[in-house]
């Protein structure tokens, strides 16, 4: 789970690749750097992430069996909500209870 700002997007084959500035990581299960690529396994624009927009994103690390592919994947059941002050408050409260 992390707070990120969409810098750019590009269609790559049957997927969409977003370049994301990581503003703040939360509940990290894998390390994130300041800029990451976030992959969505479709080209339909779902979820609708716009350039310049900030979001709370729940994605997972995807590593294939050959360990030749290591990326952040936002699946259909992933979470992508526009970042709001409410989101900031909820994240702070959740962090206090961990």
N, C-alpha and C. Protein backbone atom coordinates (compact mmCIF):
# COMPACT_ATOMS: atom_id res chain seq x y z
N UNK A 1 0.86 -1.17 0.00
CA UNK A 1 0.00 0.00 0.00
C UNK A 1 0.89 1.22 0.00
N UNK A 2 0.60 2.15 -0.90
CA UNK A 2 1.39 3.38 -0.92
C UNK A 2 0.60 4.53 -1.53
N UNK A 3 1.04 5.73 -1.21
CA UNK A 3 0.50 6.96 -1.76
C UNK A 3 1.41 7.34 -2.92
N UNK A 4 0.83 7.49 -4.11
CA UNK A 4 1.65 7.79 -5.27
C UNK A 4 1.00 8.80 -6.19
N UNK A 5 1.84 9.47 -6.98
CA UNK A 5 1.37 10.42 -7.99
C UNK A 5 1.74 9.89 -9.36
N UNK A 6 0.76 9.85 -10.26
CA UNK A 6 0.98 9.34 -11.62
C UNK A 6 1.74 10.39 -12.43
N UNK A 7 2.90 10.00 -12.94
CA UNK A 7 3.72 10.91 -13.74
C UNK A 7 3.46 10.74 -15.23
N UNK A 8 3.25 9.51 -15.67
CA UNK A 8 3.03 9.23 -17.09
C UNK A 8 2.44 7.83 -17.21
N UNK A 9 1.89 7.52 -18.39
CA UNK A 9 1.39 6.18 -18.65
C UNK A 9 1.68 5.83 -20.10
N UNK A 10 1.72 4.52 -20.36
CA UNK A 10 2.02 4.04 -21.71
C UNK A 10 1.41 2.66 -21.88
N UNK A 11 0.84 2.41 -23.04
CA UNK A 11 0.35 1.07 -23.36
C UNK A 11 1.53 0.23 -23.84
N UNK A 12 1.66 -0.95 -23.26
CA UNK A 12 2.74 -1.87 -23.62
C UNK A 12 2.09 -3.23 -23.86
N UNK A 13 1.94 -3.59 -25.12
CA UNK A 13 1.26 -4.84 -25.45
C UNK A 13 -0.18 -4.79 -24.96
N UNK A 14 -0.57 -5.76 -24.16
CA UNK A 14 -1.93 -5.84 -23.63
C UNK A 14 -2.04 -5.27 -22.21
N UNK A 15 -1.05 -4.48 -21.81
CA UNK A 15 -1.02 -3.93 -20.46
C UNK A 15 -0.81 -2.42 -20.50
N UNK A 16 -1.06 -1.79 -19.36
CA UNK A 16 -0.80 -0.36 -19.19
C UNK A 16 0.28 -0.21 -18.13
N UNK A 17 1.30 0.59 -18.46
CA UNK A 17 2.39 0.84 -17.52
C UNK A 17 2.32 2.30 -17.07
N UNK A 18 2.22 2.49 -15.76
CA UNK A 18 2.20 3.83 -15.18
C UNK A 18 3.54 4.10 -14.50
N UNK A 19 4.08 5.28 -14.75
CA UNK A 19 5.25 5.72 -14.01
C UNK A 19 4.71 6.48 -12.80
N UNK A 20 5.11 6.07 -11.61
CA UNK A 20 4.54 6.60 -10.38
C UNK A 20 5.63 7.15 -9.47
N UNK A 21 5.40 8.35 -8.95
CA UNK A 21 6.25 8.90 -7.90
C UNK A 21 5.68 8.39 -6.58
N UNK A 22 6.49 7.67 -5.83
CA UNK A 22 6.05 7.13 -4.54
C UNK A 22 6.17 8.25 -3.51
N UNK A 23 5.03 8.73 -3.02
CA UNK A 23 5.01 9.81 -2.04
C UNK A 23 5.25 9.28 -0.64
N UNK A 24 4.60 8.16 -0.29
CA UNK A 24 4.76 7.56 1.03
C UNK A 24 4.33 6.10 0.97
N UNK A 25 5.20 5.20 1.41
CA UNK A 25 4.82 3.78 1.47
C UNK A 25 4.16 3.48 2.82
N UNK A 26 3.18 2.57 2.80
CA UNK A 26 2.50 2.11 4.01
C UNK A 26 2.42 0.59 3.95
N UNK A 27 2.56 -0.05 5.09
CA UNK A 27 2.46 -1.51 5.14
C UNK A 27 3.23 -2.18 4.02
N UNK A 28 4.51 -1.90 3.99
CA UNK A 28 5.36 -2.43 2.94
C UNK A 28 5.66 -3.90 3.13
N UNK A 29 5.44 -4.67 2.11
CA UNK A 29 5.87 -6.07 2.10
C UNK A 29 7.07 -6.24 1.18
N UNK A 30 7.38 -5.20 0.43
CA UNK A 30 8.55 -5.19 -0.44
C UNK A 30 9.03 -3.74 -0.54
N UNK A 31 10.33 -3.55 -0.75
CA UNK A 31 10.87 -2.18 -0.78
C UNK A 31 10.42 -1.43 -2.04
N UNK A 32 10.18 -0.15 -1.88
CA UNK A 32 9.83 0.73 -2.99
C UNK A 32 10.89 1.81 -3.10
N UNK A 33 11.15 2.25 -4.31
CA UNK A 33 12.04 3.39 -4.53
C UNK A 33 11.18 4.60 -4.85
N UNK A 34 11.79 5.77 -5.00
CA UNK A 34 11.02 7.01 -5.18
C UNK A 34 10.19 7.03 -6.46
N UNK A 35 10.61 6.30 -7.48
CA UNK A 35 9.83 6.16 -8.71
C UNK A 35 9.74 4.69 -9.07
N UNK A 36 8.54 4.28 -9.38
CA UNK A 36 8.28 2.89 -9.71
C UNK A 36 7.40 2.82 -10.95
N UNK A 37 7.43 1.68 -11.62
CA UNK A 37 6.45 1.39 -12.66
C UNK A 37 5.36 0.53 -12.03
N UNK A 38 4.13 0.91 -12.28
CA UNK A 38 2.96 0.17 -11.82
C UNK A 38 2.29 -0.39 -13.06
N UNK A 39 2.11 -1.70 -13.10
CA UNK A 39 1.52 -2.36 -14.26
C UNK A 39 0.08 -2.74 -14.00
N UNK A 40 -0.77 -2.52 -14.99
CA UNK A 40 -2.18 -2.91 -14.93
C UNK A 40 -2.41 -3.86 -16.11
N UNK A 41 -2.94 -5.07 -15.87
CA UNK A 41 -3.05 -6.07 -16.92
C UNK A 41 -4.21 -5.86 -17.89
N UNK A 42 -4.41 -4.62 -18.34
CA UNK A 42 -5.41 -4.34 -19.37
C UNK A 42 -5.06 -3.01 -20.03
N UNK A 43 -5.76 -2.70 -21.11
CA UNK A 43 -5.53 -1.44 -21.81
C UNK A 43 -6.81 -0.60 -21.86
N UNK A 44 -7.80 -0.95 -21.04
CA UNK A 44 -9.10 -0.29 -21.10
C UNK A 44 -9.16 0.98 -20.25
N UNK A 45 -8.09 1.28 -19.51
CA UNK A 45 -8.13 2.46 -18.65
C UNK A 45 -8.81 2.20 -17.33
N UNK A 46 -8.84 0.95 -16.90
CA UNK A 46 -9.45 0.58 -15.63
C UNK A 46 -8.37 0.09 -14.69
N UNK A 47 -8.21 0.65 -13.54
CA UNK A 47 -8.93 1.80 -13.01
C UNK A 47 -8.48 3.09 -13.70
N UNK A 48 -9.33 4.11 -13.67
CA UNK A 48 -8.99 5.37 -14.35
C UNK A 48 -7.98 6.20 -13.55
N UNK A 49 -6.70 6.00 -13.84
CA UNK A 49 -5.64 6.76 -13.18
C UNK A 49 -5.17 7.84 -14.15
N UNK A 50 -5.23 9.10 -13.72
CA UNK A 50 -4.87 10.19 -14.63
C UNK A 50 -3.50 10.76 -14.27
N UNK A 51 -2.81 11.25 -15.29
CA UNK A 51 -1.51 11.87 -15.07
C UNK A 51 -1.66 13.05 -14.13
N UNK A 52 -0.77 13.16 -13.17
CA UNK A 52 -0.80 14.24 -12.20
C UNK A 52 -1.67 13.94 -10.99
N UNK A 53 -2.51 12.90 -11.09
CA UNK A 53 -3.39 12.54 -9.99
C UNK A 53 -2.65 11.78 -8.90
N UNK A 54 -3.11 11.96 -7.66
CA UNK A 54 -2.53 11.24 -6.53
C UNK A 54 -3.53 10.21 -6.04
N UNK A 55 -2.99 9.02 -5.69
CA UNK A 55 -3.85 7.90 -5.35
C UNK A 55 -3.28 7.12 -4.17
N UNK A 56 -4.17 6.45 -3.48
CA UNK A 56 -3.79 5.43 -2.51
C UNK A 56 -3.89 4.12 -3.28
N UNK A 57 -2.77 3.39 -3.39
CA UNK A 57 -2.70 2.22 -4.25
C UNK A 57 -2.32 0.98 -3.44
N UNK A 58 -3.05 -0.09 -3.64
CA UNK A 58 -2.72 -1.36 -3.03
C UNK A 58 -2.39 -2.33 -4.16
N UNK A 59 -1.13 -2.60 -4.31
CA UNK A 59 -0.66 -3.46 -5.39
C UNK A 59 0.19 -4.57 -4.79
N UNK A 60 0.62 -5.48 -5.63
CA UNK A 60 1.47 -6.57 -5.14
C UNK A 60 2.68 -6.73 -6.03
N UNK A 61 3.71 -7.27 -5.47
CA UNK A 61 4.93 -7.57 -6.23
C UNK A 61 4.67 -8.84 -7.01
N UNK A 62 4.94 -8.83 -8.29
CA UNK A 62 4.76 -10.01 -9.14
C UNK A 62 6.14 -10.44 -9.65
N UNK A 63 6.51 -11.66 -9.31
CA UNK A 63 7.76 -12.25 -9.79
C UNK A 63 7.38 -13.55 -10.48
N UNK A 64 7.81 -13.72 -11.74
CA UNK A 64 7.46 -14.95 -12.44
C UNK A 64 8.32 -16.12 -11.95
N UNK A 65 7.99 -17.32 -12.39
CA UNK A 65 8.68 -18.53 -11.91
C UNK A 65 10.16 -18.54 -12.29
N UNK A 66 10.50 -17.92 -13.40
CA UNK A 66 11.90 -17.90 -13.84
C UNK A 66 12.70 -16.78 -13.17
N UNK A 67 12.02 -15.94 -12.39
CA UNK A 67 12.63 -14.77 -11.73
C UNK A 67 13.25 -13.80 -12.73
N UNK A 68 12.66 -13.73 -13.92
CA UNK A 68 13.13 -12.77 -14.93
C UNK A 68 12.23 -11.55 -14.99
N UNK A 69 11.10 -11.60 -14.28
CA UNK A 69 10.14 -10.51 -14.28
C UNK A 69 9.82 -10.17 -12.84
N UNK A 70 10.08 -8.95 -12.45
CA UNK A 70 9.86 -8.50 -11.08
C UNK A 70 9.25 -7.10 -11.18
N UNK A 71 7.96 -7.01 -10.89
CA UNK A 71 7.29 -5.72 -11.07
C UNK A 71 6.14 -5.55 -10.10
N UNK A 72 5.62 -4.33 -10.02
CA UNK A 72 4.47 -4.03 -9.18
C UNK A 72 3.23 -4.11 -10.04
N UNK A 73 2.28 -4.93 -9.60
CA UNK A 73 1.09 -5.22 -10.39
C UNK A 73 -0.17 -4.78 -9.64
N UNK A 74 -1.00 -3.99 -10.29
CA UNK A 74 -2.29 -3.61 -9.75
C UNK A 74 -3.33 -4.47 -10.47
N UNK A 75 -3.77 -5.52 -9.79
CA UNK A 75 -4.71 -6.45 -10.38
C UNK A 75 -6.13 -5.90 -10.34
N UNK A 76 -7.04 -6.65 -10.97
CA UNK A 76 -8.45 -6.25 -10.98
C UNK A 76 -9.01 -6.10 -9.58
N UNK A 77 -8.55 -6.95 -8.65
CA UNK A 77 -9.04 -6.86 -7.28
C UNK A 77 -8.18 -5.94 -6.41
N UNK A 78 -7.25 -5.20 -7.04
CA UNK A 78 -6.42 -4.25 -6.32
C UNK A 78 -7.22 -3.04 -5.90
N UNK A 79 -6.55 -2.12 -5.26
CA UNK A 79 -7.21 -0.95 -4.69
C UNK A 79 -6.55 0.30 -5.23
N UNK A 80 -7.33 1.20 -5.79
CA UNK A 80 -6.82 2.47 -6.30
C UNK A 80 -7.89 3.53 -6.06
N UNK A 81 -7.63 4.41 -5.09
CA UNK A 81 -8.58 5.48 -4.76
C UNK A 81 -7.88 6.81 -4.86
N UNK A 82 -8.59 7.83 -5.31
CA UNK A 82 -7.98 9.17 -5.31
C UNK A 82 -7.55 9.55 -3.89
N UNK A 83 -6.39 10.17 -3.78
CA UNK A 83 -5.85 10.58 -2.50
C UNK A 83 -6.62 11.81 -2.01
N UNK A 84 -7.10 11.73 -0.79
CA UNK A 84 -7.81 12.85 -0.17
C UNK A 84 -7.31 13.01 1.26
N UNK A 85 -7.70 14.07 1.92
CA UNK A 85 -7.32 14.23 3.33
C UNK A 85 -7.94 13.11 4.16
N UNK A 86 -9.09 12.61 3.75
CA UNK A 86 -9.71 11.48 4.45
C UNK A 86 -8.81 10.25 4.35
N UNK A 87 -8.27 10.00 3.16
CA UNK A 87 -7.36 8.87 2.98
C UNK A 87 -6.14 9.02 3.88
N UNK A 88 -5.60 10.22 3.98
CA UNK A 88 -4.43 10.47 4.83
C UNK A 88 -4.76 10.15 6.28
N UNK A 89 -5.93 10.57 6.73
CA UNK A 89 -6.35 10.31 8.11
C UNK A 89 -6.50 8.81 8.36
N UNK A 90 -7.14 8.11 7.44
CA UNK A 90 -7.34 6.66 7.59
C UNK A 90 -6.01 5.91 7.64
N UNK A 91 -5.06 6.32 6.80
CA UNK A 91 -3.76 5.67 6.78
C UNK A 91 -3.03 5.91 8.10
N UNK A 92 -3.08 7.13 8.61
CA UNK A 92 -2.42 7.43 9.90
C UNK A 92 -3.04 6.60 11.02
N UNK A 93 -4.38 6.50 11.04
CA UNK A 93 -5.05 5.71 12.08
C UNK A 93 -4.69 4.24 11.99
N UNK A 94 -4.64 3.70 10.79
CA UNK A 94 -4.28 2.28 10.61
C UNK A 94 -2.84 2.02 11.06
N UNK A 95 -1.96 2.97 10.78
CA UNK A 95 -0.55 2.81 11.15
C UNK A 95 -0.39 2.81 12.68
N UNK A 96 -1.20 3.57 13.38
CA UNK A 96 -1.12 3.62 14.84
C UNK A 96 -1.55 2.30 15.47
N UNK A 97 -2.46 1.58 14.84
CA UNK A 97 -3.01 0.35 15.39
C UNK A 97 -2.16 -0.88 15.05
N UNK A 98 -1.12 -0.71 14.27
CA UNK A 98 -0.26 -1.86 13.89
C UNK A 98 0.82 -2.09 14.92
